[in-house]
Amino acid sequence: YVLGLIYMTLILSSARYIERPPEGYMPS
């Protein structure tokens, strides 16, 4: 139960930030 909550929290938190870059993105 504890591990399930830890994993779910970590993955959901990470998923909130991750997204695709704009089309044609080049690093600064």
mmCIF file of all heavy atoms, coordinates in Angstrom:
data_MODEL
# 
_entry.id   MODEL 
# 
loop_
_atom_site.group_PDB 
_atom_site.id 
_atom_site.type_symbol 
_atom_site.label_atom_id 
_atom_site.label_alt_id 
_atom_site.label_comp_id 
_atom_site.label_asym_id 
_atom_site.label_entity_id 
_atom_site.label_seq_id 
_atom_site.pdbx_PDB_ins_code 
_atom_site.Cartn_x 
_atom_site.Cartn_y 
_atom_site.Cartn_z 
_atom_site.occupancy 
_atom_site.B_iso_or_equiv 
_atom_site.pdbx_formal_charge 
_atom_site.auth_seq_id 
_atom_site.auth_comp_id 
_atom_site.auth_asym_id 
_atom_site.auth_atom_id 
_atom_site.pdbx_PDB_model_num 
ATOM 1   N N   . TYR A 1 1  ? 0.832  -1.208 0.000   1.00 0.00 ? 1  TYR A N   1 
ATOM 2   C CA  . TYR A 1 1  ? 0.000  0.000  0.000   1.00 0.00 ? 1  TYR A CA  1 
ATOM 3   C C   . TYR A 1 1  ? 0.869  1.260  0.000   1.00 0.00 ? 1  TYR A C   1 
ATOM 4   O O   . TYR A 1 1  ? 0.619  2.210  -0.749  1.00 0.00 ? 1  TYR A O   1 
ATOM 5   C CB  . TYR A 1 1  ? -0.935 0.025  1.220   1.00 0.00 ? 1  TYR A CB  1 
ATOM 6   C CG  . TYR A 1 1  ? -1.972 -1.073 1.231   1.00 0.00 ? 1  TYR A CG  1 
ATOM 7   C CD1 . TYR A 1 1  ? -2.366 -1.671 2.428   1.00 0.00 ? 1  TYR A CD1 1 
ATOM 8   C CD2 . TYR A 1 1  ? -2.563 -1.520 0.046   1.00 0.00 ? 1  TYR A CD2 1 
ATOM 9   C CE1 . TYR A 1 1  ? -3.319 -2.687 2.452   1.00 0.00 ? 1  TYR A CE1 1 
ATOM 10  C CE2 . TYR A 1 1  ? -3.523 -2.531 0.060   1.00 0.00 ? 1  TYR A CE2 1 
ATOM 11  C CZ  . TYR A 1 1  ? -3.892 -3.115 1.259   1.00 0.00 ? 1  TYR A CZ  1 
ATOM 12  O OH  . TYR A 1 1  ? -4.837 -4.106 1.270   1.00 0.00 ? 1  TYR A OH  1 
ATOM 13  N N   . VAL A 1 2  ? 1.892  1.261  0.850   1.00 0.00 ? 2  VAL A N   1 
ATOM 14  C CA  . VAL A 1 2  ? 2.797  2.420  0.926   1.00 0.00 ? 2  VAL A CA  1 
ATOM 15  C C   . VAL A 1 2  ? 3.544  2.597  -0.396  1.00 0.00 ? 2  VAL A C   1 
ATOM 16  O O   . VAL A 1 2  ? 3.629  3.705  -0.941  1.00 0.00 ? 2  VAL A O   1 
ATOM 17  C CB  . VAL A 1 2  ? 3.800  2.255  2.095   1.00 0.00 ? 2  VAL A CB  1 
ATOM 18  C CG1 . VAL A 1 2  ? 4.841  3.374  2.065   1.00 0.00 ? 2  VAL A CG1 1 
ATOM 19  C CG2 . VAL A 1 2  ? 3.073  2.232  3.426   1.00 0.00 ? 2  VAL A CG2 1 
ATOM 20  N N   . LEU A 1 3  ? 4.082  1.486  -0.929  1.00 0.00 ? 3  LEU A N   1 
ATOM 21  C CA  . LEU A 1 3  ? 4.830  1.555  -2.192  1.00 0.00 ? 3  LEU A CA  1 
ATOM 22  C C   . LEU A 1 3  ? 3.946  2.024  -3.338  1.00 0.00 ? 3  LEU A C   1 
ATOM 23  O O   . LEU A 1 3  ? 4.365  2.847  -4.166  1.00 0.00 ? 3  LEU A O   1 
ATOM 24  C CB  . LEU A 1 3  ? 5.429  0.174  -2.525  1.00 0.00 ? 3  LEU A CB  1 
ATOM 25  C CG  . LEU A 1 3  ? 6.588  -0.283 -1.641  1.00 0.00 ? 3  LEU A CG  1 
ATOM 26  C CD1 . LEU A 1 3  ? 6.874  -1.761 -1.865  1.00 0.00 ? 3  LEU A CD1 1 
ATOM 27  C CD2 . LEU A 1 3  ? 7.844  0.546  -1.906  1.00 0.00 ? 3  LEU A CD2 1 
ATOM 28  N N   . GLY A 1 4  ? 2.709  1.524  -3.381  1.00 0.00 ? 4  GLY A N   1 
ATOM 29  C CA  . GLY A 1 4  ? 1.780  1.926  -4.436  1.00 0.00 ? 4  GLY A CA  1 
ATOM 30  C C   . GLY A 1 4  ? 1.537  3.423  -4.430  1.00 0.00 ? 4  GLY A C   1 
ATOM 31  O O   . GLY A 1 4  ? 1.517  4.071  -5.481  1.00 0.00 ? 4  GLY A O   1 
ATOM 32  N N   . LEU A 1 5  ? 1.375  3.985  -3.241  1.00 0.00 ? 5  LEU A N   1 
ATOM 33  C CA  . LEU A 1 5  ? 1.151  5.430  -3.119  1.00 0.00 ? 5  LEU A CA  1 
ATOM 34  C C   . LEU A 1 5  ? 2.408  6.217  -3.511  1.00 0.00 ? 5  LEU A C   1 
ATOM 35  O O   . LEU A 1 5  ? 2.320  7.275  -4.147  1.00 0.00 ? 5  LEU A O   1 
ATOM 36  C CB  . LEU A 1 5  ? 0.723  5.776  -1.682  1.00 0.00 ? 5  LEU A CB  1 
ATOM 37  C CG  . LEU A 1 5  ? -0.673 5.291  -1.280  1.00 0.00 ? 5  LEU A CG  1 
ATOM 38  C CD1 . LEU A 1 5  ? -0.912 5.533  0.213   1.00 0.00 ? 5  LEU A CD1 1 
ATOM 39  C CD2 . LEU A 1 5  ? -1.753 5.979  -2.112  1.00 0.00 ? 5  LEU A CD2 1 
ATOM 40  N N   . ILE A 1 6  ? 3.581  5.705  -3.116  1.00 0.00 ? 6  ILE A N   1 
ATOM 41  C CA  . ILE A 1 6  ? 4.845  6.374  -3.473  1.00 0.00 ? 6  ILE A CA  1 
ATOM 42  C C   . ILE A 1 6  ? 5.007  6.405  -4.989  1.00 0.00 ? 6  ILE A C   1 
ATOM 43  O O   . ILE A 1 6  ? 5.283  7.453  -5.593  1.00 0.00 ? 6  ILE A O   1 
ATOM 44  C CB  . ILE A 1 6  ? 6.055  5.668  -2.820  1.00 0.00 ? 6  ILE A CB  1 
ATOM 45  C CG1 . ILE A 1 6  ? 6.050  5.876  -1.301  1.00 0.00 ? 6  ILE A CG1 1 
ATOM 46  C CG2 . ILE A 1 6  ? 7.366  6.196  -3.416  1.00 0.00 ? 6  ILE A CG2 1 
ATOM 47  C CD1 . ILE A 1 6  ? 7.094  5.059  -0.563  1.00 0.00 ? 6  ILE A CD1 1 
ATOM 48  N N   . TYR A 1 7  ? 4.832  5.233  -5.630  1.00 0.00 ? 7  TYR A N   1 
ATOM 49  C CA  . TYR A 1 7  ? 5.017  5.156  -7.084  1.00 0.00 ? 7  TYR A CA  1 
ATOM 50  C C   . TYR A 1 7  ? 4.007  6.047  -7.815  1.00 0.00 ? 7  TYR A C   1 
ATOM 51  O O   . TYR A 1 7  ? 4.358  6.770  -8.744  1.00 0.00 ? 7  TYR A O   1 
ATOM 52  C CB  . TYR A 1 7  ? 4.845  3.710  -7.580  1.00 0.00 ? 7  TYR A CB  1 
ATOM 53  C CG  . TYR A 1 7  ? 5.818  2.715  -7.005  1.00 0.00 ? 7  TYR A CG  1 
ATOM 54  C CD1 . TYR A 1 7  ? 5.438  1.390  -6.786  1.00 0.00 ? 7  TYR A CD1 1 
ATOM 55  C CD2 . TYR A 1 7  ? 7.123  3.087  -6.690  1.00 0.00 ? 7  TYR A CD2 1 
ATOM 56  C CE1 . TYR A 1 7  ? 6.324  0.472  -6.266  1.00 0.00 ? 7  TYR A CE1 1 
ATOM 57  C CE2 . TYR A 1 7  ? 8.025  2.173  -6.164  1.00 0.00 ? 7  TYR A CE2 1 
ATOM 58  C CZ  . TYR A 1 7  ? 7.613  0.859  -5.950  1.00 0.00 ? 7  TYR A CZ  1 
ATOM 59  O OH  . TYR A 1 7  ? 8.494  -0.052 -5.425  1.00 0.00 ? 7  TYR A OH  1 
ATOM 60  N N   . MET A 1 8  ? 2.758  5.977  -7.380  1.00 0.00 ? 8  MET A N   1 
ATOM 61  C CA  . MET A 1 8  ? 1.724  6.755  -8.059  1.00 0.00 ? 8  MET A CA  1 
ATOM 62  C C   . MET A 1 8  ? 1.997  8.249  -7.932  1.00 0.00 ? 8  MET A C   1 
ATOM 63  O O   . MET A 1 8  ? 1.880  8.995  -8.913  1.00 0.00 ? 8  MET A O   1 
ATOM 64  C CB  . MET A 1 8  ? 0.349  6.410  -7.479  1.00 0.00 ? 8  MET A CB  1 
ATOM 65  C CG  . MET A 1 8  ? -0.804 6.943  -8.322  1.00 0.00 ? 8  MET A CG  1 
ATOM 66  S SD  . MET A 1 8  ? -2.438 6.594  -7.648  1.00 0.00 ? 8  MET A SD  1 
ATOM 67  C CE  . MET A 1 8  ? -2.611 4.858  -7.996  1.00 0.00 ? 8  MET A CE  1 
ATOM 68  N N   . THR A 1 9  ? 2.409  8.676  -6.746  1.00 0.00 ? 9  THR A N   1 
ATOM 69  C CA  . THR A 1 9  ? 2.713  10.094 -6.524  1.00 0.00 ? 9  THR A CA  1 
ATOM 70  C C   . THR A 1 9  ? 3.884  10.552 -7.392  1.00 0.00 ? 9  THR A C   1 
ATOM 71  O O   . THR A 1 9  ? 3.834  11.611 -8.030  1.00 0.00 ? 9  THR A O   1 
ATOM 72  C CB  . THR A 1 9  ? 3.033  10.355 -5.038  1.00 0.00 ? 9  THR A CB  1 
ATOM 73  O OG1 . THR A 1 9  ? 1.921  9.940  -4.237  1.00 0.00 ? 9  THR A OG1 1 
ATOM 74  C CG2 . THR A 1 9  ? 3.326  11.820 -4.783  1.00 0.00 ? 9  THR A CG2 1 
ATOM 75  N N   . LEU A 1 10 ? 4.945  9.746  -7.427  1.00 0.00 ? 10 LEU A N   1 
ATOM 76  C CA  . LEU A 1 10 ? 6.134  10.088 -8.220  1.00 0.00 ? 10 LEU A CA  1 
ATOM 77  C C   . LEU A 1 10 ? 5.811  10.184 -9.706  1.00 0.00 ? 10 LEU A C   1 
ATOM 78  O O   . LEU A 1 10 ? 6.196  11.142 -10.381 1.00 0.00 ? 10 LEU A O   1 
ATOM 79  C CB  . LEU A 1 10 ? 7.218  9.025  -8.006  1.00 0.00 ? 10 LEU A CB  1 
ATOM 80  C CG  . LEU A 1 10 ? 8.389  9.371  -7.089  1.00 0.00 ? 10 LEU A CG  1 
ATOM 81  C CD1 . LEU A 1 10 ? 9.292  8.157  -6.909  1.00 0.00 ? 10 LEU A CD1 1 
ATOM 82  C CD2 . LEU A 1 10 ? 9.199  10.533 -7.640  1.00 0.00 ? 10 LEU A CD2 1 
ATOM 83  N N   . ILE A 1 11 ? 5.093  9.176  -10.222 1.00 0.00 ? 11 ILE A N   1 
ATOM 84  C CA  . ILE A 1 11 ? 4.795  9.144  -11.658 1.00 0.00 ? 11 ILE A CA  1 
ATOM 85  C C   . ILE A 1 11 ? 3.829  10.259 -12.047 1.00 0.00 ? 11 ILE A C   1 
ATOM 86  O O   . ILE A 1 11 ? 4.034  10.959 -13.047 1.00 0.00 ? 11 ILE A O   1 
ATOM 87  C CB  . ILE A 1 11 ? 4.239  7.761  -12.081 1.00 0.00 ? 11 ILE A CB  1 
ATOM 88  C CG1 . ILE A 1 11 ? 5.290  6.671  -11.817 1.00 0.00 ? 11 ILE A CG1 1 
ATOM 89  C CG2 . ILE A 1 11 ? 3.873  7.772  -13.559 1.00 0.00 ? 11 ILE A CG2 1 
ATOM 90  C CD1 . ILE A 1 11 ? 4.777  5.252  -12.025 1.00 0.00 ? 11 ILE A CD1 1 
ATOM 91  N N   . LEU A 1 12 ? 2.769  10.453 -11.240 1.00 0.00 ? 12 LEU A N   1 
ATOM 92  C CA  . LEU A 1 12 ? 1.785  11.495 -11.565 1.00 0.00 ? 12 LEU A CA  1 
ATOM 93  C C   . LEU A 1 12 ? 2.405  12.886 -11.487 1.00 0.00 ? 12 LEU A C   1 
ATOM 94  O O   . LEU A 1 12 ? 2.108  13.764 -12.316 1.00 0.00 ? 12 LEU A O   1 
ATOM 95  C CB  . LEU A 1 12 ? 0.568  11.392 -10.640 1.00 0.00 ? 12 LEU A CB  1 
ATOM 96  C CG  . LEU A 1 12 ? -0.292 10.130 -10.786 1.00 0.00 ? 12 LEU A CG  1 
ATOM 97  C CD1 . LEU A 1 12 ? -1.456 10.159 -9.811  1.00 0.00 ? 12 LEU A CD1 1 
ATOM 98  C CD2 . LEU A 1 12 ? -0.799 9.968  -12.209 1.00 0.00 ? 12 LEU A CD2 1 
ATOM 99  N N   . SER A 1 13 ? 3.276  13.105 -10.498 1.00 0.00 ? 13 SER A N   1 
ATOM 100 C CA  . SER A 1 13 ? 3.957  14.409 -10.377 1.00 0.00 ? 13 SER A CA  1 
ATOM 101 C C   . SER A 1 13 ? 4.857  14.659 -11.580 1.00 0.00 ? 13 SER A C   1 
ATOM 102 O O   . SER A 1 13 ? 4.903  15.773 -12.131 1.00 0.00 ? 13 SER A O   1 
ATOM 103 C CB  . SER A 1 13 ? 4.793  14.454 -9.096  1.00 0.00 ? 13 SER A CB  1 
ATOM 104 O OG  . SER A 1 13 ? 3.994  14.246 -7.961  1.00 0.00 ? 13 SER A OG  1 
ATOM 105 N N   . SER A 1 14 ? 5.589  13.626 -11.990 1.00 0.00 ? 14 SER A N   1 
ATOM 106 C CA  . SER A 1 14 ? 6.482  13.745 -13.149 1.00 0.00 ? 14 SER A CA  1 
ATOM 107 C C   . SER A 1 14 ? 5.687  13.996 -14.423 1.00 0.00 ? 14 SER A C   1 
ATOM 108 O O   . SER A 1 14 ? 6.073  14.805 -15.275 1.00 0.00 ? 14 SER A O   1 
ATOM 109 C CB  . SER A 1 14 ? 7.324  12.470 -13.298 1.00 0.00 ? 14 SER A CB  1 
ATOM 110 O OG  . SER A 1 14 ? 8.131  12.262 -12.151 1.00 0.00 ? 14 SER A OG  1 
ATOM 111 N N   . ALA A 1 15 ? 4.554  13.281 -14.569 1.00 0.00 ? 15 ALA A N   1 
ATOM 112 C CA  . ALA A 1 15 ? 3.734  13.404 -15.779 1.00 0.00 ? 15 ALA A CA  1 
ATOM 113 C C   . ALA A 1 15 ? 3.133  14.797 -15.925 1.00 0.00 ? 15 ALA A C   1 
ATOM 114 O O   . ALA A 1 15 ? 2.857  15.255 -17.040 1.00 0.00 ? 15 ALA A O   1 
ATOM 115 C CB  . ALA A 1 15 ? 2.628  12.347 -15.773 1.00 0.00 ? 15 ALA A CB  1 
ATOM 116 N N   . ARG A 1 16 ? 2.928  15.500 -14.806 1.00 0.00 ? 16 ARG A N   1 
ATOM 117 C CA  . ARG A 1 16 ? 2.343  16.851 -14.861 1.00 0.00 ? 16 ARG A CA  1 
ATOM 118 C C   . ARG A 1 16 ? 3.282  17.845 -15.554 1.00 0.00 ? 16 ARG A C   1 
ATOM 119 O O   . ARG A 1 16 ? 2.829  18.805 -16.180 1.00 0.00 ? 16 ARG A O   1 
ATOM 120 C CB  . ARG A 1 16 ? 2.023  17.355 -13.449 1.00 0.00 ? 16 ARG A CB  1 
ATOM 121 C CG  . ARG A 1 16 ? 0.707  16.849 -12.904 1.00 0.00 ? 16 ARG A CG  1 
ATOM 122 C CD  . ARG A 1 16 ? 0.382  17.496 -11.570 1.00 0.00 ? 16 ARG A CD  1 
ATOM 123 N NE  . ARG A 1 16 ? 0.227  18.939 -11.674 1.00 0.00 ? 16 ARG A NE  1 
ATOM 124 C CZ  . ARG A 1 16 ? -0.876 19.556 -12.087 1.00 0.00 ? 16 ARG A CZ  1 
ATOM 125 N NH1 . ARG A 1 16 ? -1.918 18.845 -12.466 1.00 0.00 ? 16 ARG A NH1 1 
ATOM 126 N NH2 . ARG A 1 16 ? -0.941 20.875 -12.132 1.00 0.00 ? 16 ARG A NH2 1 
ATOM 127 N N   . TYR A 1 17 ? 4.608  17.610 -15.443 1.00 0.00 ? 17 TYR A N   1 
ATOM 128 C CA  . TYR A 1 17 ? 5.558  18.569 -16.021 1.00 0.00 ? 17 TYR A CA  1 
ATOM 129 C C   . TYR A 1 17 ? 5.951  18.208 -17.457 1.00 0.00 ? 17 TYR A C   1 
ATOM 130 O O   . TYR A 1 17 ? 6.195  19.070 -18.282 1.00 0.00 ? 17 TYR A O   1 
ATOM 131 C CB  . TYR A 1 17 ? 6.823  18.650 -15.152 1.00 0.00 ? 17 TYR A CB  1 
ATOM 132 C CG  . TYR A 1 17 ? 7.732  19.800 -15.544 1.00 0.00 ? 17 TYR A CG  1 
ATOM 133 C CD1 . TYR A 1 17 ? 7.465  21.100 -15.109 1.00 0.00 ? 17 TYR A CD1 1 
ATOM 134 C CD2 . TYR A 1 17 ? 8.828  19.602 -16.374 1.00 0.00 ? 17 TYR A CD2 1 
ATOM 135 C CE1 . TYR A 1 17 ? 8.279  22.163 -15.485 1.00 0.00 ? 17 TYR A CE1 1 
ATOM 136 C CE2 . TYR A 1 17 ? 9.646  20.659 -16.758 1.00 0.00 ? 17 TYR A CE2 1 
ATOM 137 C CZ  . TYR A 1 17 ? 9.370  21.930 -16.305 1.00 0.00 ? 17 TYR A CZ  1 
ATOM 138 O OH  . TYR A 1 17 ? 10.176 22.987 -16.688 1.00 0.00 ? 17 TYR A OH  1 
ATOM 139 N N   . ILE A 1 18 ? 6.009  16.915 -17.735 1.00 0.00 ? 18 ILE A N   1 
ATOM 140 C CA  . ILE A 1 18 ? 6.552  16.482 -19.024 1.00 0.00 ? 18 ILE A CA  1 
ATOM 141 C C   . ILE A 1 18 ? 5.595  16.820 -20.166 1.00 0.00 ? 18 ILE A C   1 
ATOM 142 O O   . ILE A 1 18 ? 4.385  16.672 -20.051 1.00 0.00 ? 18 ILE A O   1 
ATOM 143 C CB  . ILE A 1 18 ? 6.873  14.963 -18.985 1.00 0.00 ? 18 ILE A CB  1 
ATOM 144 C CG1 . ILE A 1 18 ? 7.809  14.576 -20.126 1.00 0.00 ? 18 ILE A CG1 1 
ATOM 145 C CG2 . ILE A 1 18 ? 5.617  14.114 -18.990 1.00 0.00 ? 18 ILE A CG2 1 
ATOM 146 C CD1 . ILE A 1 18 ? 8.404  13.191 -19.969 1.00 0.00 ? 18 ILE A CD1 1 
ATOM 147 N N   . GLU A 1 19 ? 6.144  17.361 -21.247 1.00 0.00 ? 19 GLU A N   1 
ATOM 148 C CA  . GLU A 1 19 ? 5.340  17.653 -22.441 1.00 0.00 ? 19 GLU A CA  1 
ATOM 149 C C   . GLU A 1 19 ? 6.271  17.751 -23.644 1.00 0.00 ? 19 GLU A C   1 
ATOM 150 O O   . GLU A 1 19 ? 7.497  17.846 -23.503 1.00 0.00 ? 19 GLU A O   1 
ATOM 151 C CB  . GLU A 1 19 ? 4.548  18.947 -22.282 1.00 0.00 ? 19 GLU A CB  1 
ATOM 152 C CG  . GLU A 1 19 ? 5.381  20.192 -22.172 1.00 0.00 ? 19 GLU A CG  1 
ATOM 153 C CD  . GLU A 1 19 ? 4.546  21.469 -22.071 1.00 0.00 ? 19 GLU A CD  1 
ATOM 154 O OE1 . GLU A 1 19 ? 3.460  21.431 -21.460 1.00 0.00 ? 19 GLU A OE1 1 
ATOM 155 O OE2 . GLU A 1 19 ? 4.994  22.495 -22.587 1.00 0.00 ? 19 GLU A OE2 1 
ATOM 156 N N   . ARG A 1 20 ? 5.680  17.715 -24.826 1.00 0.00 ? 20 ARG A N   1 
ATOM 157 C CA  . ARG A 1 20 ? 6.467  17.829 -26.052 1.00 0.00 ? 20 ARG A CA  1 
ATOM 158 C C   . ARG A 1 20 ? 6.984  19.257 -26.233 1.00 0.00 ? 20 ARG A C   1 
ATOM 159 O O   . ARG A 1 20 ? 6.329  20.207 -25.804 1.00 0.00 ? 20 ARG A O   1 
ATOM 160 C CB  . ARG A 1 20 ? 5.614  17.464 -27.266 1.00 0.00 ? 20 ARG A CB  1 
ATOM 161 C CG  . ARG A 1 20 ? 5.168  16.012 -27.307 1.00 0.00 ? 20 ARG A CG  1 
ATOM 162 C CD  . ARG A 1 20 ? 4.216  15.809 -28.470 1.00 0.00 ? 20 ARG A CD  1 
ATOM 163 N NE  . ARG A 1 20 ? 3.765  14.431 -28.551 1.00 0.00 ? 20 ARG A NE  1 
ATOM 164 C CZ  . ARG A 1 20 ? 2.535  14.068 -28.856 1.00 0.00 ? 20 ARG A CZ  1 
ATOM 165 N NH1 . ARG A 1 20 ? 1.611  14.999 -29.076 1.00 0.00 ? 20 ARG A NH1 1 
ATOM 166 N NH2 . ARG A 1 20 ? 2.197  12.799 -28.930 1.00 0.00 ? 20 ARG A NH2 1 
ATOM 167 N N   . PRO A 1 21 ? 8.126  19.423 -26.897 1.00 0.00 ? 21 PRO A N   1 
ATOM 168 C CA  . PRO A 1 21 ? 8.605  20.781 -27.196 1.00 0.00 ? 21 PRO A CA  1 
ATOM 169 C C   . PRO A 1 21 ? 7.814  21.376 -28.358 1.00 0.00 ? 21 PRO A C   1 
ATOM 170 O O   . PRO A 1 21 ? 7.113  20.650 -29.074 1.00 0.00 ? 21 PRO A O   1 
ATOM 171 C CB  . PRO A 1 21 ? 10.066 20.540 -27.599 1.00 0.00 ? 21 PRO A CB  1 
ATOM 172 C CG  . PRO A 1 21 ? 10.068 19.167 -28.182 1.00 0.00 ? 21 PRO A CG  1 
ATOM 173 C CD  . PRO A 1 21 ? 9.045  18.385 -27.400 1.00 0.00 ? 21 PRO A CD  1 
ATOM 174 N N   . PRO A 1 22 ? 7.922  22.689 -28.577 1.00 0.00 ? 22 PRO A N   1 
ATOM 175 C CA  . PRO A 1 22 ? 7.256  23.289 -29.735 1.00 0.00 ? 22 PRO A CA  1 
ATOM 176 C C   . PRO A 1 22 ? 7.814  22.698 -31.037 1.00 0.00 ? 22 PRO A C   1 
ATOM 177 O O   . PRO A 1 22 ? 8.953  22.202 -31.074 1.00 0.00 ? 22 PRO A O   1 
ATOM 178 C CB  . PRO A 1 22 ? 7.625  24.779 -29.629 1.00 0.00 ? 22 PRO A CB  1 
ATOM 179 C CG  . PRO A 1 22 ? 8.122  24.970 -28.238 1.00 0.00 ? 22 PRO A CG  1 
ATOM 180 C CD  . PRO A 1 22 ? 8.670  23.666 -27.780 1.00 0.00 ? 22 PRO A CD  1 
ATOM 181 N N   . GLU A 1 23 ? 7.020  22.734 -32.089 1.00 0.00 ? 23 GLU A N   1 
ATOM 182 C CA  . GLU A 1 23 ? 7.446  22.225 -33.397 1.00 0.00 ? 23 GLU A CA  1 
ATOM 183 C C   . GLU A 1 23 ? 8.726  22.921 -33.846 1.00 0.00 ? 23 GLU A C   1 
ATOM 184 O O   . GLU A 1 23 ? 8.870  24.132 -33.738 1.00 0.00 ? 23 GLU A O   1 
ATOM 185 C CB  . GLU A 1 23 ? 6.336  22.486 -34.422 1.00 0.00 ? 23 GLU A CB  1 
ATOM 186 C CG  . GLU A 1 23 ? 6.481  21.682 -35.707 1.00 0.00 ? 23 GLU A CG  1 
ATOM 187 C CD  . GLU A 1 23 ? 6.267  20.198 -35.509 1.00 0.00 ? 23 GLU A CD  1 
ATOM 188 O OE1 . GLU A 1 23 ? 5.425  19.814 -34.668 1.00 0.00 ? 23 GLU A OE1 1 
ATOM 189 O OE2 . GLU A 1 23 ? 6.958  19.425 -36.180 1.00 0.00 ? 23 GLU A OE2 1 
ATOM 190 N N   . GLY A 1 24 ? 9.702  22.144 -34.307 1.00 0.00 ? 24 GLY A N   1 
ATOM 191 C CA  . GLY A 1 24 ? 10.955 22.709 -34.801 1.00 0.00 ? 24 GLY A CA  1 
ATOM 192 C C   . GLY A 1 24 ? 11.884 23.209 -33.714 1.00 0.00 ? 24 GLY A C   1 
ATOM 193 O O   . GLY A 1 24 ? 12.794 23.997 -33.976 1.00 0.00 ? 24 GLY A O   1 
ATOM 194 N N   . TYR A 1 25 ? 11.685 22.750 -32.470 1.00 0.00 ? 25 TYR A N   1 
ATOM 195 C CA  . TYR A 1 25 ? 12.488 23.222 -31.331 1.00 0.00 ? 25 TYR A CA  1 
ATOM 196 C C   . TYR A 1 25 ? 13.974 22.946 -31.533 1.00 0.00 ? 25 TYR A C   1 
ATOM 197 O O   . TYR A 1 25 ? 14.370 21.866 -31.974 1.00 0.00 ? 25 TYR A O   1 
ATOM 198 C CB  . TYR A 1 25 ? 12.002 22.542 -30.049 1.00 0.00 ? 25 TYR A CB  1 
ATOM 199 C CG  . TYR A 1 25 ? 12.950 22.695 -28.878 1.00 0.00 ? 25 TYR A CG  1 
ATOM 200 C CD1 . TYR A 1 25 ? 12.988 23.875 -28.136 1.00 0.00 ? 25 TYR A CD1 1 
ATOM 201 C CD2 . TYR A 1 25 ? 13.833 21.669 -28.534 1.00 0.00 ? 25 TYR A CD2 1 
ATOM 202 C CE1 . TYR A 1 25 ? 13.865 24.031 -27.080 1.00 0.00 ? 25 TYR A CE1 1 
ATOM 203 C CE2 . TYR A 1 25 ? 14.718 21.813 -27.475 1.00 0.00 ? 25 TYR A CE2 1 
ATOM 204 C CZ  . TYR A 1 25 ? 14.732 22.991 -26.749 1.00 0.00 ? 25 TYR A CZ  1 
ATOM 205 O OH  . TYR A 1 25 ? 15.610 23.127 -25.703 1.00 0.00 ? 25 TYR A OH  1 
ATOM 206 N N   . MET A 1 26 ? 14.790 23.945 -31.196 1.00 0.00 ? 26 MET A N   1 
ATOM 207 C CA  . MET A 1 26 ? 16.247 23.802 -31.139 1.00 0.00 ? 26 MET A CA  1 
ATOM 208 C C   . MET A 1 26 ? 16.711 24.350 -29.793 1.00 0.00 ? 26 MET A C   1 
ATOM 209 O O   . MET A 1 26 ? 16.189 25.371 -29.330 1.00 0.00 ? 26 MET A O   1 
ATOM 210 C CB  . MET A 1 26 ? 16.921 24.586 -32.272 1.00 0.00 ? 26 MET A CB  1 
ATOM 211 C CG  . MET A 1 26 ? 16.853 23.888 -33.623 1.00 0.00 ? 26 MET A CG  1 
ATOM 212 S SD  . MET A 1 26 ? 17.866 22.400 -33.646 1.00 0.00 ? 26 MET A SD  1 
ATOM 213 C CE  . MET A 1 26 ? 16.966 21.402 -34.824 1.00 0.00 ? 26 MET A CE  1 
ATOM 214 N N   . PRO A 1 27 ? 17.686 23.684 -29.150 1.00 0.00 ? 27 PRO A N   1 
ATOM 215 C CA  . PRO A 1 27 ? 18.131 24.151 -27.832 1.00 0.00 ? 27 PRO A CA  1 
ATOM 216 C C   . PRO A 1 27 ? 18.723 25.545 -27.865 1.00 0.00 ? 27 PRO A C   1 
ATOM 217 O O   . PRO A 1 27 ? 19.321 25.954 -28.862 1.00 0.00 ? 27 PRO A O   1 
ATOM 218 C CB  . PRO A 1 27 ? 19.185 23.103 -27.418 1.00 0.00 ? 27 PRO A CB  1 
ATOM 219 C CG  . PRO A 1 27 ? 19.507 22.337 -28.633 1.00 0.00 ? 27 PRO A CG  1 
ATOM 220 C CD  . PRO A 1 27 ? 18.385 22.476 -29.590 1.00 0.00 ? 27 PRO A CD  1 
ATOM 221 N N   . SER A 1 28 ? 18.547 26.275 -26.780 1.00 0.00 ? 28 SER A N   1 
ATOM 222 C CA  . SER A 1 28 ? 19.053 27.640 -26.662 1.00 0.00 ? 28 SER A CA  1 
ATOM 223 C C   . SER A 1 28 ? 20.578 27.650 -26.796 1.00 0.00 ? 28 SER A C   1 
ATOM 224 O O   . SER A 1 28 ? 21.275 26.832 -26.196 1.00 0.00 ? 28 SER A O   1 
ATOM 225 C CB  . SER A 1 28 ? 18.654 28.208 -25.293 1.00 0.00 ? 28 SER A CB  1 
ATOM 226 O OG  . SER A 1 28 ? 19.210 29.482 -25.120 1.00 0.00 ? 28 SER A OG  1 
# 
